[in-house]
Amino acid sequence: MTTTILNKTQTDFATYFEVACGKVSALITYRKTGDVGVCVQNASHRVWKKLGRYHPNFELALASYKSAEVREMIETVKTEVAS
């Protein structure tokens, strides 16, 4: 699977990543406090306009998803943030 960072926006408080892997896309937010927000762009998001889920760190975010594509996107953002 190839993960692509489509857009990266940085503010004083957080960095926002638009990421795609296969047919799945997501908005992943990394806050300066270490919190990670994941909003998968799927049917549920489009209907309910939810903001996704926030996790205290990348490890808990990875543990919350079973989808290989979502996990790959989180890993890619984790690597990008670390560099």
Protein backbone atom coordinates (compact mmCIF):
# COMPACT_ATOMS: atom_id res chain seq x y z
CA MET A 1 0.00 0.00 0.00
CA THR A 2 1.20 3.45 -0.85
CA THR A 3 0.27 6.31 1.43
CA THR A 4 0.29 9.84 0.04
CA ILE A 5 0.23 13.06 2.03
CA LEU A 6 -2.04 15.25 -0.09
CA ASN A 7 -1.79 18.39 2.02
CA LYS A 8 0.02 19.53 5.16
CA THR A 9 -1.04 22.65 7.05
CA GLN A 10 0.77 23.89 10.14
CA THR A 11 -0.56 26.35 12.71
CA ASP A 12 0.69 27.51 16.10
CA PHE A 13 -1.25 24.73 17.82
CA ALA A 14 -1.39 21.78 15.44
CA THR A 15 -0.36 20.24 12.13
CA TYR A 16 -3.09 18.96 9.81
CA PHE A 17 -2.47 16.20 7.28
CA GLU A 18 -4.78 15.17 4.45
CA VAL A 19 -3.73 11.61 3.70
CA ALA A 20 -4.81 8.94 1.21
CA CYS A 21 -4.07 5.22 1.04
CA GLY A 22 -5.75 3.23 -1.72
CA LYS A 23 -9.42 4.26 -1.79
CA VAL A 24 -9.39 5.49 1.83
CA SER A 25 -8.66 9.08 2.83
CA ALA A 26 -8.45 10.79 6.21
CA LEU A 27 -7.68 14.04 7.96
CA ILE A 28 -5.14 13.43 10.71
CA THR A 29 -4.37 16.17 13.21
CA TYR A 30 -1.26 16.24 15.39
CA ARG A 31 -1.49 18.75 18.24
CA LYS A 32 1.54 20.24 19.99
CA THR A 33 0.31 18.52 23.18
CA GLY A 34 0.82 15.12 21.50
CA ASP A 35 -2.88 14.42 20.86
CA VAL A 36 -3.73 12.75 17.57
CA GLY A 37 -7.06 13.26 15.81
CA VAL A 38 -8.22 10.89 13.08
CA CYS A 39 -11.22 11.60 10.85
CA VAL A 40 -11.66 8.92 8.18
CA GLN A 41 -13.56 10.28 5.18
CA ASN A 42 -16.19 7.55 4.91
CA ALA A 43 -19.98 7.29 4.61
CA SER A 44 -20.50 7.83 8.35
CA HIS A 45 -18.46 11.02 8.29
CA ARG A 46 -20.33 12.35 5.27
CA VAL A 47 -23.76 11.67 6.79
CA TRP A 48 -23.15 12.69 10.41
CA LYS A 49 -20.39 15.29 9.88
CA LYS A 50 -18.50 13.94 12.86
CA LEU A 51 -15.08 15.33 13.71
CA GLY A 52 -13.43 11.95 14.11
CA ARG A 53 -11.78 10.60 17.23
CA TYR A 54 -8.97 12.04 19.32
CA HIS A 55 -6.33 9.93 21.04
CA PRO A 56 -3.64 10.88 23.58
CA ASN A 57 -0.82 9.54 21.35
CA PHE A 58 -0.02 7.69 18.12
CA GLU A 59 0.12 4.26 19.78
CA LEU A 60 -3.46 4.49 21.06
CA ALA A 61 -4.60 5.87 17.71
CA LEU A 62 -3.07 2.84 15.96
CA ALA A 63 -4.68 0.47 18.46
CA SER A 64 -8.12 1.98 17.75
CA TYR A 65 -8.25 1.02 14.06
CA LYS A 66 -8.37 -2.43 12.43
CA SER A 67 -8.18 -1.19 8.83
CA ALA A 68 -4.71 -1.68 7.34
CA GLU A 69 -5.14 1.48 5.26
CA VAL A 70 -5.97 3.68 8.24
CA ARG A 71 -3.13 2.19 10.27
CA GLU A 72 -0.72 2.83 7.39
CA MET A 73 -1.85 6.47 7.16
CA ILE A 74 -1.33 6.98 10.91
CA GLU A 75 2.16 5.42 10.68
CA THR A 76 3.04 7.71 7.77
CA VAL A 77 1.98 10.82 9.70
CA LYS A 78 3.84 9.58 12.80
CA THR A 79 7.01 9.27 10.70
CA GLU A 80 6.47 12.71 9.14
CA VAL A 81 6.00 14.33 12.56
CA ALA A 82 9.13 12.65 13.94
CA SER A 83 11.30 13.96 11.10
